[in-house]
Amino acid sequence: MTGFRNNNAPRRYFVDAIGRRVLIGLTLEETFEFERLDSESDGGRTEAIWIECGSQPAPGEKRWLELYAKHEGAWKVWMAQSRVDQPYL
């Protein structure tokens, strides 16, 4: 749906208590849903079209955007906290 699948970008997972990879800020179920929706992506073409036309995204795209926004917000908090926790060299 967007550049999240870019191979240059880090995948933003943590490993839960029983060893499953979960996207930061999402539940295990939301991670599965996000990855399913992301695998159905058309490389961002649909998103670009509805943004250009000023229309609303399709239901699957809307849900993907909701999950991405939730993950992205948690990722930013995690990154900021990581910087605070790092000692200065």
Protein backbone atom coordinates (compact mmCIF):
# COMPACT_ATOMS: atom_id res chain seq x y z
CA MET A 1 0.00 0.00 0.00
CA THR A 2 2.97 2.33 0.52
CA GLY A 3 6.72 2.13 0.85
CA PHE A 4 6.56 0.12 4.07
CA ARG A 5 7.62 -2.91 2.08
CA ASN A 6 10.78 -1.14 0.89
CA ASN A 7 13.66 -3.57 1.43
CA ASN A 8 15.91 -0.73 2.64
CA ALA A 9 13.63 0.02 5.58
CA PRO A 10 14.02 -2.02 8.76
CA ARG A 11 11.16 -4.29 9.69
CA ARG A 12 9.92 -2.99 12.98
CA TYR A 13 9.25 -6.11 15.00
CA PHE A 14 9.81 -7.25 18.54
CA VAL A 15 9.77 -10.84 19.69
CA ASP A 16 6.99 -11.61 22.16
CA ALA A 17 7.26 -13.82 25.25
CA ILE A 18 6.84 -17.02 23.24
CA GLY A 19 9.07 -16.08 20.31
CA ARG A 20 6.59 -14.65 17.79
CA ARG A 21 7.52 -11.58 15.76
CA VAL A 22 5.05 -8.75 16.32
CA LEU A 23 5.14 -5.25 14.86
CA ILE A 24 5.82 -2.60 17.50
CA GLY A 25 2.54 -1.06 18.63
CA LEU A 26 0.34 -3.82 17.21
CA THR A 27 -1.04 -7.00 18.68
CA LEU A 28 -0.17 -10.37 17.19
CA GLU A 29 -3.57 -10.45 15.46
CA GLU A 30 -3.10 -6.93 14.09
CA THR A 31 0.37 -7.87 12.82
CA PHE A 32 -1.09 -10.83 10.92
CA GLU A 33 -3.85 -8.61 9.53
CA PHE A 34 -1.40 -5.87 8.53
CA GLU A 35 0.90 -8.34 6.78
CA ARG A 36 -2.03 -9.94 4.95
CA LEU A 37 -3.25 -6.54 3.74
CA ASP A 38 0.29 -5.48 2.88
CA SER A 39 0.85 -8.61 0.79
CA GLU A 40 -2.25 -7.68 -1.21
CA SER A 41 -0.68 -4.32 -1.99
CA ASP A 42 -0.47 -3.04 -5.52
CA GLY A 43 2.71 -1.09 -4.87
CA GLY A 44 0.89 2.09 -3.84
CA ARG A 45 -0.88 2.68 -7.15
CA THR A 46 -4.37 2.54 -5.63
CA GLU A 47 -3.39 4.82 -2.77
CA ALA A 48 -1.90 7.35 -5.19
CA ILE A 49 -5.08 7.26 -7.28
CA TRP A 50 -7.49 7.91 -4.39
CA ILE A 51 -5.28 10.65 -2.97
CA GLU A 52 -5.06 12.32 -6.39
CA CYS A 53 -8.81 12.05 -6.92
CA GLY A 54 -9.61 13.25 -3.42
CA SER A 55 -11.66 10.14 -2.75
CA GLN A 56 -11.58 7.76 0.18
CA PRO A 57 -9.52 4.56 0.31
CA ALA A 58 -11.14 1.17 -0.12
CA PRO A 59 -12.00 -0.64 3.15
CA GLY A 60 -8.86 -2.83 3.02
CA GLU A 61 -6.68 0.18 2.32
CA LYS A 62 -8.35 2.13 5.11
CA ARG A 63 -7.68 -0.66 7.59
CA TRP A 64 -4.07 -0.94 6.39
CA LEU A 65 -3.64 2.81 6.94
CA GLU A 66 -5.15 2.55 10.44
CA LEU A 67 -2.78 -0.26 11.40
CA TYR A 68 0.18 1.48 9.82
CA ALA A 69 -0.58 4.71 11.68
CA LYS A 70 -0.86 2.83 14.98
CA HIS A 71 2.44 1.06 14.32
CA GLU A 72 4.20 4.20 13.09
CA GLY A 73 3.18 6.16 16.21
CA ALA A 74 4.48 3.42 18.50
CA TRP A 75 7.67 3.13 16.42
CA LYS A 76 8.38 6.86 16.81
CA VAL A 77 7.90 6.64 20.58
CA TRP A 78 10.14 3.56 20.71
CA MET A 79 12.86 5.28 18.65
CA ALA A 80 12.73 8.40 20.83
CA GLN A 81 12.99 6.29 23.97
CA SER A 82 15.88 4.32 22.46
CA ARG A 83 17.78 7.56 21.86
CA VAL A 84 17.20 8.66 25.47
CA ASP A 85 18.40 5.30 26.78
CA GLN A 86 21.62 5.32 24.72
CA PRO A 87 24.71 6.64 26.51
CA TYR A 88 26.55 9.48 24.83
CA LEU A 89 29.92 8.59 23.32
